[in-house]
Amino acid sequence: MDMRRPRRGVIFAEVVAALALLTLMAALATSAVSRYQQARDHYAWHQAALWAADAQLRRYQAGAEIDSPPPAGTIAVYVSLHTVVEPGRGAWTGLDRITVTATITGPRQRMIQESTVGFVRRRPPT
């Protein structure tokens, strides 16, 4: 009669394999979370630049002088704004085409730029 003892417990190799799989899963999850956070931050920086450019364009459309700085404290100090004014052409004659570009020096010294374009009534030279 062959009476073998039933296996009890877990074999050492199974424990090592399970730990290796758990470590691999943790590493992949950490990498995915890190990439998600970077993408979220990148999107937030682009949104901040776009909102700053749009707000400046709306100021011009509301009557603010071209190249006038926004009121203190309305945009962050790391946002710089640049405005280009061109005369409108064709159906847009009599209007000025205004392009506002917001530049942000983001994390790790990456420059992020967003632009917005709109038209305003041509103002007589002062």
N, C-alpha and C. Protein backbone atom coordinates (compact mmCIF):
# COMPACT_ATOMS: atom_id res chain seq x y z
N MET A 1 0.81 -1.17 0.00
CA MET A 1 0.00 0.00 0.00
C MET A 1 0.86 1.25 0.00
N ASP A 2 0.47 2.11 -0.91
CA ASP A 2 1.22 3.37 -1.02
C ASP A 2 0.43 4.46 -0.33
N MET A 3 0.82 4.75 0.85
CA MET A 3 0.11 5.77 1.63
C MET A 3 0.96 7.03 1.65
N ARG A 4 0.65 7.88 0.76
CA ARG A 4 1.39 9.15 0.75
C ARG A 4 0.67 10.15 1.64
N ARG A 5 1.48 10.97 2.21
CA ARG A 5 0.90 12.01 3.06
C ARG A 5 0.30 13.10 2.17
N PRO A 6 -0.87 13.56 2.50
CA PRO A 6 -1.43 14.66 1.71
C PRO A 6 -0.58 15.93 1.90
N ARG A 7 -0.50 16.74 0.83
CA ARG A 7 0.29 17.97 0.90
C ARG A 7 -0.41 18.96 1.82
N ARG A 8 0.38 19.52 2.65
CA ARG A 8 -0.16 20.54 3.54
C ARG A 8 0.62 21.82 3.32
N GLY A 9 -0.08 22.96 3.40
CA GLY A 9 0.60 24.25 3.25
C GLY A 9 0.87 24.57 1.80
N VAL A 10 1.69 25.55 1.61
CA VAL A 10 2.00 26.06 0.28
C VAL A 10 3.48 25.85 0.02
N ILE A 11 3.79 25.47 -1.17
CA ILE A 11 5.18 25.25 -1.53
C ILE A 11 5.89 26.60 -1.66
N PHE A 12 7.14 26.61 -1.28
CA PHE A 12 7.94 27.84 -1.30
C PHE A 12 7.92 28.50 -2.68
N ALA A 13 7.98 27.73 -3.72
CA ALA A 13 7.98 28.28 -5.08
C ALA A 13 6.68 29.03 -5.38
N GLU A 14 5.57 28.54 -4.88
CA GLU A 14 4.30 29.23 -5.08
C GLU A 14 4.28 30.57 -4.38
N VAL A 15 4.86 30.64 -3.21
CA VAL A 15 4.93 31.91 -2.48
C VAL A 15 5.80 32.90 -3.24
N VAL A 16 6.94 32.45 -3.73
CA VAL A 16 7.84 33.33 -4.49
C VAL A 16 7.16 33.82 -5.76
N ALA A 17 6.47 32.93 -6.47
CA ALA A 17 5.78 33.32 -7.70
C ALA A 17 4.67 34.34 -7.41
N ALA A 18 3.94 34.11 -6.34
CA ALA A 18 2.87 35.06 -5.98
C ALA A 18 3.45 36.43 -5.63
N LEU A 19 4.54 36.44 -4.88
CA LEU A 19 5.18 37.71 -4.54
C LEU A 19 5.72 38.41 -5.77
N ALA A 20 6.27 37.66 -6.70
CA ALA A 20 6.78 38.26 -7.94
C ALA A 20 5.64 38.87 -8.75
N LEU A 21 4.52 38.16 -8.84
CA LEU A 21 3.36 38.71 -9.56
C LEU A 21 2.82 39.95 -8.88
N LEU A 22 2.74 39.93 -7.57
CA LEU A 22 2.26 41.11 -6.85
C LEU A 22 3.20 42.31 -7.05
N THR A 23 4.50 42.06 -7.03
CA THR A 23 5.46 43.13 -7.26
C THR A 23 5.32 43.70 -8.66
N LEU A 24 5.16 42.84 -9.64
CA LEU A 24 4.98 43.29 -11.01
C LEU A 24 3.70 44.11 -11.16
N MET A 25 2.63 43.65 -10.56
CA MET A 25 1.37 44.38 -10.63
C MET A 25 1.49 45.74 -9.95
N ALA A 26 2.17 45.81 -8.83
CA ALA A 26 2.36 47.08 -8.14
C ALA A 26 3.20 48.04 -8.98
N ALA A 27 4.24 47.54 -9.62
CA ALA A 27 5.09 48.38 -10.47
C ALA A 27 4.29 48.93 -11.66
N LEU A 28 3.49 48.09 -12.28
CA LEU A 28 2.67 48.54 -13.41
C LEU A 28 1.63 49.56 -12.96
N ALA A 29 1.02 49.33 -11.82
CA ALA A 29 0.02 50.27 -11.31
C ALA A 29 0.66 51.61 -10.98
N THR A 30 1.83 51.59 -10.37
CA THR A 30 2.53 52.83 -10.03
C THR A 30 2.88 53.60 -11.29
N SER A 31 3.35 52.91 -12.31
CA SER A 31 3.69 53.54 -13.58
C SER A 31 2.45 54.16 -14.22
N ALA A 32 1.35 53.45 -14.21
CA ALA A 32 0.12 53.97 -14.81
C ALA A 32 -0.39 55.20 -14.06
N VAL A 33 -0.35 55.17 -12.75
CA VAL A 33 -0.79 56.32 -11.96
C VAL A 33 0.11 57.52 -12.22
N SER A 34 1.41 57.30 -12.32
CA SER A 34 2.34 58.38 -12.59
C SER A 34 2.07 59.01 -13.95
N ARG A 35 1.86 58.18 -14.97
CA ARG A 35 1.57 58.72 -16.31
C ARG A 35 0.24 59.47 -16.31
N TYR A 36 -0.74 58.98 -15.59
CA TYR A 36 -2.02 59.67 -15.50
C TYR A 36 -1.85 61.04 -14.86
N GLN A 37 -1.09 61.13 -13.79
CA GLN A 37 -0.88 62.41 -13.11
C GLN A 37 -0.14 63.39 -14.01
N GLN A 38 0.84 62.91 -14.77
CA GLN A 38 1.55 63.79 -15.70
C GLN A 38 0.62 64.31 -16.78
N ALA A 39 -0.22 63.44 -17.32
CA ALA A 39 -1.18 63.86 -18.36
C ALA A 39 -2.18 64.85 -17.80
N ARG A 40 -2.64 64.61 -16.58
CA ARG A 40 -3.58 65.53 -15.94
C ARG A 40 -2.94 66.90 -15.73
N ASP A 41 -1.70 66.93 -15.25
CA ASP A 41 -1.00 68.19 -15.04
C ASP A 41 -0.78 68.93 -16.36
N HIS A 42 -0.39 68.18 -17.39
CA HIS A 42 -0.16 68.79 -18.70
C HIS A 42 -1.45 69.43 -19.22
N TYR A 43 -2.56 68.73 -19.08
CA TYR A 43 -3.86 69.25 -19.50
C TYR A 43 -4.21 70.51 -18.70
N ALA A 44 -3.96 70.50 -17.40
CA ALA A 44 -4.28 71.65 -16.56
C ALA A 44 -3.47 72.87 -16.96
N TRP A 45 -2.19 72.68 -17.29
CA TRP A 45 -1.35 73.80 -17.74
C TRP A 45 -1.87 74.36 -19.05
N HIS A 46 -2.24 73.49 -19.98
CA HIS A 46 -2.79 73.97 -21.26
C HIS A 46 -4.10 74.72 -21.04
N GLN A 47 -4.95 74.21 -20.17
CA GLN A 47 -6.21 74.90 -19.88
C GLN A 47 -5.95 76.27 -19.26
N ALA A 48 -4.99 76.37 -18.35
CA ALA A 48 -4.68 77.65 -17.71
C ALA A 48 -4.21 78.65 -18.76
N ALA A 49 -3.37 78.22 -19.70
CA ALA A 49 -2.89 79.11 -20.75
C ALA A 49 -4.04 79.55 -21.65
N LEU A 50 -4.89 78.62 -22.02
CA LEU A 50 -6.02 78.95 -22.89
C LEU A 50 -6.98 79.91 -22.20
N TRP A 51 -7.26 79.69 -20.94
CA TRP A 51 -8.16 80.59 -20.20
C TRP A 51 -7.57 81.99 -20.08
N ALA A 52 -6.26 82.09 -19.85
CA ALA A 52 -5.62 83.40 -19.74
C ALA A 52 -5.70 84.15 -21.07
N ALA A 53 -5.41 83.46 -22.17
CA ALA A 53 -5.48 84.10 -23.49
C ALA A 53 -6.91 84.53 -23.81
N ASP A 54 -7.86 83.67 -23.52
CA ASP A 54 -9.26 83.99 -23.79
C ASP A 54 -9.74 85.17 -22.94
N ALA A 55 -9.34 85.20 -21.69
CA ALA A 55 -9.74 86.31 -20.81
C ALA A 55 -9.17 87.63 -21.32
N GLN A 56 -7.93 87.62 -21.80
CA GLN A 56 -7.33 88.84 -22.32
C GLN A 56 -8.06 89.29 -23.59
N LEU A 57 -8.39 88.35 -24.48
CA LEU A 57 -9.13 88.70 -25.69
C LEU A 57 -10.49 89.30 -25.34
N ARG A 58 -11.16 88.73 -24.37
CA ARG A 58 -12.47 89.27 -23.94
C ARG A 58 -12.33 90.67 -23.35
N ARG A 59 -11.22 90.93 -22.67
CA ARG A 59 -10.97 92.28 -22.16
C ARG A 59 -10.88 93.27 -23.32
N TYR A 60 -10.16 92.88 -24.37
CA TYR A 60 -10.03 93.76 -25.54
C TYR A 60 -11.39 93.97 -26.20
N GLN A 61 -12.17 92.91 -26.32
CA GLN A 61 -13.49 93.03 -26.93
C GLN A 61 -14.42 93.89 -26.09
N ALA A 62 -14.16 93.96 -24.80
CA ALA A 62 -14.99 94.78 -23.91
C ALA A 62 -14.52 96.23 -23.90
N GLY A 63 -13.39 96.54 -24.57
CA GLY A 63 -12.96 97.92 -24.67
C GLY A 63 -11.62 98.25 -24.04
N ALA A 64 -10.94 97.29 -23.46
CA ALA A 64 -9.63 97.56 -22.86
C ALA A 64 -8.63 97.90 -23.96
N GLU A 65 -7.65 98.70 -23.63
CA GLU A 65 -6.61 99.06 -24.59
C GLU A 65 -5.78 97.84 -24.96
N ILE A 66 -5.39 97.77 -26.23
CA ILE A 66 -4.56 96.68 -26.70
C ILE A 66 -3.21 96.73 -25.97
N ASP A 67 -2.71 95.60 -25.60
CA ASP A 67 -1.44 95.43 -24.86
C ASP A 67 -1.49 95.98 -23.44
N SER A 68 -2.68 96.31 -22.96
CA SER A 68 -2.76 96.72 -21.56
C SER A 68 -2.70 95.47 -20.70
N PRO A 69 -1.97 95.54 -19.60
CA PRO A 69 -1.88 94.34 -18.75
C PRO A 69 -3.21 94.06 -18.05
N PRO A 70 -3.48 92.82 -17.78
CA PRO A 70 -4.71 92.51 -17.03
C PRO A 70 -4.60 93.05 -15.62
N PRO A 71 -5.72 93.24 -14.95
CA PRO A 71 -5.67 93.73 -13.56
C PRO A 71 -4.81 92.82 -12.69
N ALA A 72 -4.14 93.44 -11.74
CA ALA A 72 -3.24 92.70 -10.85
C ALA A 72 -3.99 91.57 -10.15
N GLY A 73 -3.36 90.41 -10.12
CA GLY A 73 -3.91 89.27 -9.41
C GLY A 73 -4.91 88.44 -10.19
N THR A 74 -5.20 88.82 -11.45
CA THR A 74 -6.19 88.05 -12.20
C THR A 74 -5.59 86.85 -12.92
N ILE A 75 -4.31 86.94 -13.27
CA ILE A 75 -3.63 85.78 -13.84
C ILE A 75 -2.35 85.53 -13.06
N ALA A 76 -1.86 84.33 -13.11
CA ALA A 76 -0.66 83.95 -12.35
C ALA A 76 0.57 84.65 -12.92
N VAL A 77 1.57 84.82 -12.08
CA VAL A 77 2.78 85.52 -12.49
C VAL A 77 3.58 84.74 -13.52
N TYR A 78 3.41 83.44 -13.61
CA TYR A 78 4.16 82.64 -14.57
C TYR A 78 3.51 82.60 -15.95
N VAL A 79 2.44 83.36 -16.15
CA VAL A 79 1.77 83.45 -17.44
C VAL A 79 2.16 84.76 -18.10
N SER A 80 2.66 84.69 -19.32
CA SER A 80 2.94 85.91 -20.07
C SER A 80 2.02 85.95 -21.28
N LEU A 81 1.55 87.15 -21.61
CA LEU A 81 0.61 87.34 -22.71
C LEU A 81 1.25 88.17 -23.81
N HIS A 82 0.98 87.79 -25.06
CA HIS A 82 1.48 88.53 -26.21
C HIS A 82 0.31 88.73 -27.16
N THR A 83 0.16 89.96 -27.66
CA THR A 83 -0.97 90.29 -28.53
C THR A 83 -0.47 90.74 -29.89
N VAL A 84 -1.09 90.23 -30.95
CA VAL A 84 -0.81 90.65 -32.31
C VAL A 84 -2.10 91.18 -32.91
N VAL A 85 -2.04 92.39 -33.49
CA VAL A 85 -3.22 93.00 -34.10
C VAL A 85 -2.97 93.14 -35.59
N GLU A 86 -3.91 92.65 -36.39
CA GLU A 86 -3.84 92.75 -37.84
C GLU A 86 -5.17 93.30 -38.34
N PRO A 87 -5.16 94.08 -39.42
CA PRO A 87 -6.44 94.55 -39.96
C PRO A 87 -7.22 93.38 -40.56
N GLY A 88 -8.52 93.42 -40.39
CA GLY A 88 -9.37 92.39 -40.97
C GLY A 88 -9.40 92.50 -42.48
N ARG A 89 -9.61 91.37 -43.16
CA ARG A 89 -9.65 91.35 -44.62
C ARG A 89 -10.97 90.78 -45.10
N GLY A 90 -11.33 91.14 -46.30
CA GLY A 90 -12.54 90.60 -46.91
C GLY A 90 -13.77 91.03 -46.13
N ALA A 91 -14.57 90.05 -45.73
CA ALA A 91 -15.80 90.35 -44.99
C ALA A 91 -15.50 90.96 -43.63
N TRP A 92 -14.26 90.88 -43.19
CA TRP A 92 -13.87 91.38 -41.87
C TRP A 92 -13.25 92.77 -41.94
N THR A 93 -13.33 93.44 -43.09
CA THR A 93 -12.79 94.79 -43.23
C THR A 93 -13.51 95.71 -42.24
N GLY A 94 -12.74 96.57 -41.60
CA GLY A 94 -13.30 97.46 -40.59
C GLY A 94 -13.14 96.92 -39.18
N LEU A 95 -12.69 95.68 -39.08
CA LEU A 95 -12.43 95.08 -37.78
C LEU A 95 -10.93 94.78 -37.67
N ASP A 96 -10.47 94.66 -36.47
CA ASP A 96 -9.10 94.22 -36.22
C ASP A 96 -9.13 92.77 -35.78
N ARG A 97 -8.24 91.98 -36.36
CA ARG A 97 -8.08 90.58 -35.97
C ARG A 97 -7.03 90.54 -34.87
N ILE A 98 -7.42 90.08 -33.70
CA ILE A 98 -6.52 90.07 -32.55
C ILE A 98 -6.20 88.62 -32.19
N THR A 99 -4.90 88.35 -32.09
CA THR A 99 -4.43 87.03 -31.66
C THR A 99 -3.72 87.22 -30.32
N VAL A 100 -4.21 86.56 -29.30
CA VAL A 100 -3.58 86.62 -27.98
C VAL A 100 -2.96 85.25 -27.70
N THR A 101 -1.67 85.27 -27.39
CA THR A 101 -0.95 84.05 -27.07
C THR A 101 -0.51 84.09 -25.62
N ALA A 102 -0.88 83.08 -24.87
CA ALA A 102 -0.45 82.95 -23.47
C ALA A 102 0.66 81.91 -23.42
N THR A 103 1.75 82.27 -22.75
CA THR A 103 2.88 81.36 -22.62
C THR A 103 3.09 81.08 -21.14
N ILE A 104 3.21 79.81 -20.82
CA ILE A 104 3.46 79.38 -19.44
C ILE A 104 4.73 78.54 -19.44
N THR A 105 5.61 78.85 -18.53
CA THR A 105 6.75 77.98 -18.31
C THR A 105 6.33 77.00 -17.23
N GLY A 106 5.99 75.80 -17.68
CA GLY A 106 5.41 74.80 -16.79
C GLY A 106 6.45 73.99 -16.06
N PRO A 107 6.00 72.86 -15.55
CA PRO A 107 6.90 71.99 -14.81
C PRO A 107 8.06 71.53 -15.68
N ARG A 108 9.19 71.37 -15.07
CA ARG A 108 10.42 70.94 -15.75
C ARG A 108 10.78 71.87 -16.89
N GLN A 109 10.47 73.17 -16.73
CA GLN A 109 10.81 74.22 -17.69
C GLN A 109 10.24 73.98 -19.09
N ARG A 110 9.10 73.30 -19.18
CA ARG A 110 8.44 73.11 -20.47
C ARG A 110 7.62 74.35 -20.78
N MET A 111 7.79 74.88 -21.99
CA MET A 111 6.99 76.03 -22.38
C MET A 111 5.69 75.55 -23.01
N ILE A 112 4.60 76.09 -22.52
CA ILE A 112 3.28 75.74 -23.02
C ILE A 112 2.67 77.01 -23.58
N GLN A 113 2.20 76.94 -24.82
CA GLN A 113 1.58 78.09 -25.46
C GLN A 113 0.20 77.73 -25.98
N GLU A 114 -0.71 78.64 -25.77
CA GLU A 114 -2.06 78.52 -26.32
C GLU A 114 -2.45 79.88 -26.87
N SER A 115 -3.14 79.88 -28.00
CA SER A 115 -3.56 81.13 -28.63
C SER A 115 -5.05 81.13 -28.85
N THR A 116 -5.59 82.32 -28.89
CA THR A 116 -6.99 82.50 -29.23
C THR A 116 -7.10 83.72 -30.13
N VAL A 117 -8.05 83.68 -31.06
CA VAL A 117 -8.20 84.73 -32.06
C VAL A 117 -9.62 85.25 -32.01
N GLY A 118 -9.76 86.56 -32.17
CA GLY A 118 -11.07 87.19 -32.22
C GLY A 118 -11.01 88.50 -32.97
N PHE A 119 -12.13 89.10 -33.18
CA PHE A 119 -12.21 90.37 -33.90
C PHE A 119 -12.82 91.44 -33.00
N VAL A 120 -12.35 92.66 -33.16
CA VAL A 120 -12.94 93.81 -32.47
C VAL A 120 -13.07 94.94 -33.49
N ARG A 121 -13.95 95.86 -33.19
CA ARG A 121 -14.10 97.02 -34.07
C ARG A 121 -12.80 97.81 -34.05
N ARG A 122 -12.43 98.23 -35.24
CA ARG A 122 -11.20 99.02 -35.37
C ARG A 122 -11.39 100.32 -34.62
N ARG A 123 -10.41 100.62 -33.81
CA ARG A 123 -10.45 101.85 -33.03
C ARG A 123 -9.65 102.93 -33.75
N PRO A 124 -10.13 104.13 -33.72
CA PRO A 124 -9.36 105.19 -34.38
C PRO A 124 -8.06 105.42 -33.63
N PRO A 125 -6.97 105.72 -34.37
CA PRO A 125 -5.69 105.97 -33.68
C PRO A 125 -5.80 107.16 -32.75
N THR A 126 -5.15 107.05 -31.61
CA THR A 126 -5.21 108.17 -30.63
C THR A 126 -3.93 108.95 -30.63
